[in-house]
N, C-alpha and C. Protein backbone atom coordinates (compact mmCIF):
# COMPACT_ATOMS: atom_id res chain seq x y z
N MET A 1 70.94 15.28 -66.51
CA MET A 1 70.16 15.70 -67.79
C MET A 1 69.21 16.90 -67.28
N PRO A 2 68.96 17.81 -68.07
CA PRO A 2 68.18 19.07 -67.74
C PRO A 2 66.65 18.49 -67.66
N THR A 3 65.67 19.20 -67.05
CA THR A 3 64.36 19.00 -66.97
C THR A 3 63.66 20.22 -67.28
N GLY A 4 62.36 19.86 -67.75
CA GLY A 4 61.66 21.23 -68.19
C GLY A 4 60.08 20.86 -68.29
N LYS A 5 59.42 21.75 -68.65
CA LYS A 5 58.00 21.61 -68.97
C LYS A 5 57.91 21.86 -70.56
N VAL A 6 56.75 21.47 -71.17
CA VAL A 6 56.51 21.79 -72.54
C VAL A 6 55.68 23.07 -72.42
N LYS A 7 56.41 24.12 -73.20
CA LYS A 7 55.81 25.55 -73.40
C LYS A 7 54.52 25.28 -74.22
N TRP A 8 55.01 24.88 -75.34
CA TRP A 8 53.84 24.58 -76.38
C TRP A 8 54.27 23.59 -77.52
N PHE A 9 53.42 22.80 -77.88
CA PHE A 9 53.75 22.01 -78.96
C PHE A 9 52.55 21.74 -79.98
N ASP A 10 52.98 21.77 -81.34
CA ASP A 10 51.83 21.81 -82.25
C ASP A 10 51.94 20.48 -82.82
N ASN A 11 50.98 19.42 -82.60
CA ASN A 11 50.91 18.06 -83.13
C ASN A 11 50.96 17.93 -84.64
N ASP A 12 50.33 19.20 -85.38
CA ASP A 12 50.14 18.97 -86.88
C ASP A 12 51.63 19.16 -87.41
N LYS A 13 52.41 20.21 -86.75
CA LYS A 13 53.61 20.59 -87.33
C LYS A 13 54.70 19.50 -86.94
N GLY A 14 54.47 19.01 -85.70
CA GLY A 14 55.41 18.11 -85.13
C GLY A 14 56.63 18.62 -84.37
N PHE A 15 56.31 19.89 -83.96
CA PHE A 15 57.26 20.52 -83.00
C PHE A 15 56.80 21.52 -82.02
N GLY A 16 57.78 21.88 -81.00
CA GLY A 16 57.25 22.90 -80.19
C GLY A 16 58.36 23.25 -79.32
N PHE A 17 58.22 23.81 -78.10
CA PHE A 17 59.47 24.30 -77.42
C PHE A 17 59.17 23.76 -75.89
N LEU A 18 60.37 23.84 -75.13
CA LEU A 18 60.19 23.38 -73.87
C LEU A 18 61.02 24.46 -73.07
N ALA A 19 60.47 24.70 -71.84
CA ALA A 19 61.04 25.61 -70.95
C ALA A 19 61.83 24.97 -70.10
N SER A 20 63.06 25.12 -69.96
CA SER A 20 63.95 24.25 -69.06
C SER A 20 63.90 24.97 -67.75
N ASP A 21 64.10 24.08 -66.50
CA ASP A 21 64.01 24.60 -65.43
C ASP A 21 65.13 25.77 -65.08
N ASP A 22 65.95 25.94 -65.87
CA ASP A 22 67.12 26.79 -65.69
C ASP A 22 66.76 28.11 -66.55
N GLY A 23 65.40 28.05 -67.27
CA GLY A 23 65.03 29.27 -67.82
C GLY A 23 65.36 29.24 -69.42
N GLN A 24 65.93 28.39 -69.72
CA GLN A 24 66.43 28.12 -71.31
C GLN A 24 65.15 27.64 -72.03
N GLU A 25 64.97 28.27 -73.24
CA GLU A 25 64.04 27.79 -74.12
C GLU A 25 64.63 26.77 -75.13
N VAL A 26 64.05 25.42 -75.32
CA VAL A 26 64.83 24.40 -76.06
C VAL A 26 63.76 24.04 -77.19
N PHE A 27 64.12 24.03 -78.26
CA PHE A 27 63.44 23.51 -79.48
C PHE A 27 63.11 21.90 -79.25
N LEU A 28 61.68 21.52 -79.39
CA LEU A 28 61.42 20.17 -79.25
C LEU A 28 60.82 19.47 -80.64
N HIS A 29 61.40 18.63 -81.21
CA HIS A 29 60.84 18.01 -82.40
C HIS A 29 60.34 16.60 -82.20
N ALA A 30 59.33 16.41 -82.94
CA ALA A 30 58.60 15.15 -82.56
C ALA A 30 59.58 13.80 -82.61
N ASN A 31 60.64 13.96 -83.45
CA ASN A 31 61.59 12.84 -83.56
C ASN A 31 62.18 12.62 -82.20
N ALA A 32 62.45 13.62 -81.27
CA ALA A 32 62.89 13.46 -80.12
C ALA A 32 62.11 12.81 -78.91
N LEU A 33 60.67 12.64 -79.20
CA LEU A 33 59.93 12.07 -78.21
C LEU A 33 60.20 10.59 -78.14
N PRO A 34 59.64 9.87 -77.00
CA PRO A 34 60.02 8.57 -76.89
C PRO A 34 59.34 7.69 -77.91
N ALA A 35 59.56 6.32 -78.10
CA ALA A 35 58.82 5.49 -79.03
C ALA A 35 57.51 5.40 -78.77
N GLY A 36 56.47 5.57 -79.56
CA GLY A 36 54.98 5.47 -79.16
C GLY A 36 54.48 6.69 -78.93
N VAL A 37 55.23 7.67 -78.73
CA VAL A 37 54.50 9.18 -78.14
C VAL A 37 54.63 10.02 -79.53
N SER A 38 53.50 10.55 -79.87
CA SER A 38 53.49 11.31 -81.16
C SER A 38 53.28 12.72 -80.88
N GLU A 39 52.46 12.95 -79.60
CA GLU A 39 52.07 14.32 -79.18
C GLU A 39 52.16 14.33 -77.64
N VAL A 40 52.43 15.50 -77.42
CA VAL A 40 52.49 15.97 -75.95
C VAL A 40 51.80 17.17 -75.56
N LYS A 41 51.27 17.36 -74.40
CA LYS A 41 50.32 18.37 -73.98
C LYS A 41 51.26 19.46 -73.27
N VAL A 42 50.77 20.69 -73.23
CA VAL A 42 51.52 21.80 -72.60
C VAL A 42 51.56 21.50 -70.94
N GLY A 43 52.66 21.59 -70.48
CA GLY A 43 52.69 21.50 -69.03
C GLY A 43 53.50 20.04 -68.75
N THR A 44 53.52 19.31 -69.57
CA THR A 44 54.27 17.92 -69.45
C THR A 44 55.61 18.11 -69.14
N ARG A 45 56.02 17.31 -67.88
CA ARG A 45 57.38 17.47 -67.30
C ARG A 45 58.29 16.49 -68.16
N MET A 46 59.43 16.76 -68.54
CA MET A 46 60.19 16.09 -69.36
C MET A 46 61.72 16.11 -68.77
N GLU A 47 62.56 15.12 -69.11
CA GLU A 47 64.08 15.04 -68.99
C GLU A 47 64.39 14.91 -70.29
N PHE A 48 65.63 15.72 -70.71
CA PHE A 48 65.98 15.70 -71.95
C PHE A 48 67.57 15.88 -72.09
N GLY A 49 68.10 15.61 -73.23
CA GLY A 49 69.44 15.90 -73.48
C GLY A 49 69.38 17.17 -74.39
N VAL A 50 70.53 17.90 -74.35
CA VAL A 50 70.38 19.18 -75.23
C VAL A 50 71.85 19.24 -76.22
N ALA A 51 71.41 19.64 -77.45
CA ALA A 51 72.33 19.79 -78.53
C ALA A 51 72.34 21.12 -79.00
N ASP A 52 73.33 21.68 -79.62
CA ASP A 52 73.36 22.87 -80.23
C ASP A 52 72.92 22.80 -81.46
N GLY A 53 71.93 23.26 -81.97
CA GLY A 53 71.24 23.17 -83.45
C GLY A 53 71.71 24.43 -84.17
N LYS A 54 71.28 24.47 -85.38
CA LYS A 54 71.62 25.79 -86.31
C LYS A 54 70.84 26.99 -85.73
N LYS A 55 69.71 26.73 -85.18
CA LYS A 55 68.92 27.86 -84.59
C LYS A 55 68.99 27.99 -83.03
N GLY A 56 69.84 27.08 -82.38
CA GLY A 56 69.98 27.13 -80.91
C GLY A 56 69.85 25.70 -80.10
N ALA A 57 69.51 25.73 -78.93
CA ALA A 57 69.33 24.65 -78.23
C ALA A 57 68.22 23.79 -78.85
N GLN A 58 68.32 22.32 -78.70
CA GLN A 58 67.48 21.59 -79.31
C GLN A 58 67.57 20.20 -78.43
N ALA A 59 66.31 19.63 -78.02
CA ALA A 59 66.16 18.75 -77.13
C ALA A 59 66.40 17.43 -77.92
N LEU A 60 66.99 16.43 -77.21
CA LEU A 60 67.37 15.06 -77.80
C LEU A 60 67.12 14.02 -76.72
N SER A 61 66.63 12.90 -77.04
CA SER A 61 66.44 11.70 -76.12
C SER A 61 65.38 12.16 -75.01
N VAL A 62 64.25 12.67 -75.31
CA VAL A 62 63.15 12.99 -74.28
C VAL A 62 62.77 11.85 -73.43
N ARG A 63 62.60 12.13 -72.32
CA ARG A 63 61.89 10.98 -71.32
C ARG A 63 60.79 11.83 -70.64
N ILE A 64 59.47 11.31 -70.73
CA ILE A 64 58.57 11.97 -70.09
C ILE A 64 58.37 11.53 -68.47
N LEU A 65 58.42 12.62 -67.63
CA LEU A 65 58.37 12.45 -66.26
C LEU A 65 57.16 12.29 -65.73
N ASP A 66 56.19 13.28 -66.13
CA ASP A 66 54.77 13.25 -65.81
C ASP A 66 54.08 14.02 -66.70
N ALA A 67 52.78 13.81 -66.97
CA ALA A 67 51.99 14.44 -67.72
C ALA A 67 51.26 15.39 -66.93
N PRO A 68 50.63 16.56 -67.49
CA PRO A 68 49.74 17.47 -66.72
C PRO A 68 48.54 16.74 -66.38
N PRO A 69 47.78 17.03 -65.11
CA PRO A 69 46.37 16.48 -64.83
C PRO A 69 45.53 16.65 -65.99
N SER A 70 44.74 15.68 -66.13
CA SER A 70 43.67 15.80 -67.34
C SER A 70 42.49 16.61 -66.84
N VAL A 71 42.01 17.63 -67.39
CA VAL A 71 40.98 18.28 -66.91
C VAL A 71 39.64 17.71 -67.24
N ALA A 72 39.59 16.65 -68.28
CA ALA A 72 38.42 15.90 -68.44
C ALA A 72 38.17 14.97 -67.36
N LYS A 73 39.30 14.42 -66.76
CA LYS A 73 39.18 13.43 -65.59
C LYS A 73 38.61 14.32 -64.47
N ALA A 74 39.15 15.41 -64.23
CA ALA A 74 38.68 16.07 -63.12
C ALA A 74 37.30 16.42 -63.23
N ALA A 75 36.69 16.75 -64.36
CA ALA A 75 35.23 16.90 -64.53
C ALA A 75 34.52 15.71 -64.77
N ARG A 76 35.02 14.51 -64.39
CA ARG A 76 34.26 13.39 -65.03
C ARG A 76 33.00 13.07 -64.02
N LYS A 77 32.05 12.67 -64.62
CA LYS A 77 30.69 12.17 -63.86
C LYS A 77 31.15 11.14 -63.09
N SER A 78 30.28 11.06 -62.08
CA SER A 78 30.50 9.69 -61.12
C SER A 78 30.07 8.57 -61.79
N ALA A 79 30.54 7.52 -61.29
CA ALA A 79 30.37 6.11 -61.73
C ALA A 79 28.65 5.82 -61.88
N GLY A 80 27.99 6.21 -60.67
CA GLY A 80 26.69 6.06 -60.43
C GLY A 80 25.70 6.95 -61.76
N ASP A 81 26.27 8.04 -61.85
CA ASP A 81 25.60 8.88 -62.84
C ASP A 81 25.95 8.25 -64.37
N MET A 82 27.03 7.71 -64.57
CA MET A 82 27.41 7.15 -65.77
C MET A 82 26.56 5.82 -65.86
N ALA A 83 26.49 5.10 -65.00
CA ALA A 83 25.57 3.88 -65.08
C ALA A 83 24.24 4.06 -65.60
N VAL A 84 23.69 5.06 -64.81
CA VAL A 84 22.22 5.62 -65.56
C VAL A 84 22.39 6.11 -67.00
N ILE A 85 23.31 6.80 -67.30
CA ILE A 85 23.48 7.32 -68.68
C ILE A 85 23.68 6.16 -69.65
N VAL A 86 24.43 5.11 -69.29
CA VAL A 86 24.62 4.08 -70.29
C VAL A 86 23.21 3.05 -70.39
N GLU A 87 22.59 3.13 -69.19
CA GLU A 87 21.24 2.23 -69.31
C GLU A 87 20.46 2.97 -70.21
N ASP A 88 20.40 4.39 -70.04
CA ASP A 88 19.40 5.06 -71.02
C ASP A 88 19.83 4.87 -72.52
N LEU A 89 21.11 4.92 -72.75
CA LEU A 89 21.81 4.70 -74.17
C LEU A 89 21.19 3.31 -74.49
N ILE A 90 21.29 2.29 -73.72
CA ILE A 90 21.02 0.97 -74.18
C ILE A 90 19.68 0.85 -74.75
N LYS A 91 18.70 1.52 -73.95
CA LYS A 91 17.35 1.59 -74.36
C LYS A 91 17.19 2.46 -75.80
N LEU A 92 17.96 3.48 -75.83
CA LEU A 92 17.86 4.31 -77.20
C LEU A 92 18.49 3.31 -78.21
N LEU A 93 19.56 2.65 -78.06
CA LEU A 93 20.01 1.61 -79.07
C LEU A 93 19.13 0.70 -79.37
N GLU A 94 18.34 -0.16 -78.50
CA GLU A 94 17.49 -1.24 -78.51
C GLU A 94 16.20 -0.65 -79.44
N HIS A 95 15.77 0.55 -79.39
CA HIS A 95 14.91 1.23 -80.11
C HIS A 95 15.36 1.42 -81.46
N THR A 96 16.66 1.86 -81.60
CA THR A 96 17.06 1.83 -82.92
C THR A 96 17.26 0.61 -83.58
N ALA A 97 17.75 -0.44 -82.80
CA ALA A 97 18.04 -1.78 -83.37
C ALA A 97 16.50 -2.38 -83.71
N ASN A 98 15.58 -2.29 -82.99
CA ASN A 98 14.32 -2.80 -83.69
C ASN A 98 13.84 -2.07 -84.89
N GLY A 99 14.18 -0.70 -85.31
CA GLY A 99 13.78 -0.32 -86.52
C GLY A 99 14.65 -0.83 -87.68
N LEU A 100 15.85 -1.15 -87.24
CA LEU A 100 16.96 -1.54 -88.27
C LEU A 100 16.41 -3.23 -88.52
N GLN A 101 16.15 -3.95 -87.63
CA GLN A 101 15.58 -5.20 -87.81
C GLN A 101 14.38 -5.50 -88.59
N LYS A 102 13.67 -4.16 -88.76
CA LYS A 102 12.42 -4.39 -89.51
C LYS A 102 12.88 -3.60 -91.00
N GLY A 103 14.09 -3.34 -91.17
CA GLY A 103 14.56 -2.93 -92.62
C GLY A 103 14.55 -1.47 -92.65
N LYS A 104 14.51 -0.70 -91.65
CA LYS A 104 14.20 0.65 -91.79
C LYS A 104 15.41 1.46 -90.92
N TYR A 105 16.12 2.27 -91.47
CA TYR A 105 17.17 3.08 -90.87
C TYR A 105 16.40 4.32 -90.04
N PRO A 106 17.07 4.71 -89.24
CA PRO A 106 16.29 5.94 -88.59
C PRO A 106 16.43 7.10 -89.43
N ASP A 107 15.38 8.20 -89.41
CA ASP A 107 15.65 9.30 -90.18
C ASP A 107 16.72 10.04 -89.83
N LYS A 108 17.27 11.14 -90.73
CA LYS A 108 18.46 11.90 -90.58
C LYS A 108 18.48 12.55 -89.18
N ALA A 109 17.45 13.21 -88.73
CA ALA A 109 17.48 13.83 -87.47
C ALA A 109 17.66 12.83 -86.33
N SER A 110 17.01 11.75 -86.44
CA SER A 110 17.12 10.76 -85.21
C SER A 110 18.50 10.14 -85.20
N GLY A 111 18.83 9.75 -86.30
CA GLY A 111 20.29 9.30 -86.36
C GLY A 111 21.34 10.07 -86.01
N SER A 112 21.17 11.52 -86.40
CA SER A 112 22.18 12.31 -85.82
C SER A 112 21.98 12.59 -84.23
N LYS A 113 20.82 12.50 -83.90
CA LYS A 113 20.83 12.46 -82.31
C LYS A 113 21.57 11.23 -81.81
N VAL A 114 21.17 10.14 -82.26
CA VAL A 114 21.79 8.67 -81.72
C VAL A 114 23.31 8.92 -81.88
N ALA A 115 23.91 9.36 -82.97
CA ALA A 115 25.22 9.43 -82.97
C ALA A 115 25.86 10.33 -82.18
N ALA A 116 25.20 11.61 -81.87
CA ALA A 116 25.70 12.54 -80.83
C ALA A 116 25.71 11.85 -79.55
N VAL A 117 24.74 11.32 -79.09
CA VAL A 117 24.62 10.65 -77.91
C VAL A 117 26.03 9.77 -77.60
N LEU A 118 26.09 8.90 -78.55
CA LEU A 118 26.98 7.89 -78.55
C LEU A 118 28.36 8.51 -78.49
N ARG A 119 28.84 9.61 -79.08
CA ARG A 119 30.08 10.33 -79.13
C ARG A 119 30.33 10.98 -77.79
N ALA A 120 29.09 11.37 -77.15
CA ALA A 120 29.08 12.04 -75.86
C ALA A 120 29.54 10.95 -74.74
N VAL A 121 28.78 9.97 -74.95
CA VAL A 121 28.95 9.07 -73.85
C VAL A 121 30.41 8.21 -73.92
N ALA A 122 30.88 8.07 -75.35
CA ALA A 122 32.06 7.70 -75.54
C ALA A 122 33.31 8.55 -74.90
N ASN A 123 33.14 9.87 -75.22
CA ASN A 123 34.04 10.87 -74.61
C ASN A 123 34.06 10.79 -73.16
N ASP A 124 32.88 10.57 -72.40
CA ASP A 124 32.98 10.54 -71.04
C ASP A 124 33.61 9.40 -70.52
N LEU A 125 33.45 8.06 -71.19
CA LEU A 125 34.15 6.91 -70.74
C LEU A 125 35.52 6.95 -71.07
N ASP A 126 36.04 7.51 -72.08
CA ASP A 126 37.54 7.60 -72.50
C ASP A 126 38.33 8.44 -71.66
N ALA A 127 37.77 9.56 -70.89
CA ALA A 127 38.54 10.49 -70.24
C ALA A 127 39.58 9.77 -69.25
């Protein structure tokens, strides 16, 4: 089976192209991706079958060989730094919870800041 890398893939449109190791450009539709996979990143190595479609070569029965390294993981904070951040987040949430227990939501500016911090910490942990 031929192998290659994802040249580009538009998750919204559900298709893209592979650059095969022999230099051929192959159409990749989301339907050809393995079960449970709905999107792929540029540079992902794949093995695939090829069929001649109306507009040229088309990938079939795609198997992901290896994904490109994550930039987010490479830039990830150390576990020690994240521990300090999480401890500060806990204090922030405790302060917010105290106000909520008294029946008072935080004002819009404070609520937005807490939400932004939560999203940032979640992104760091999810990388």
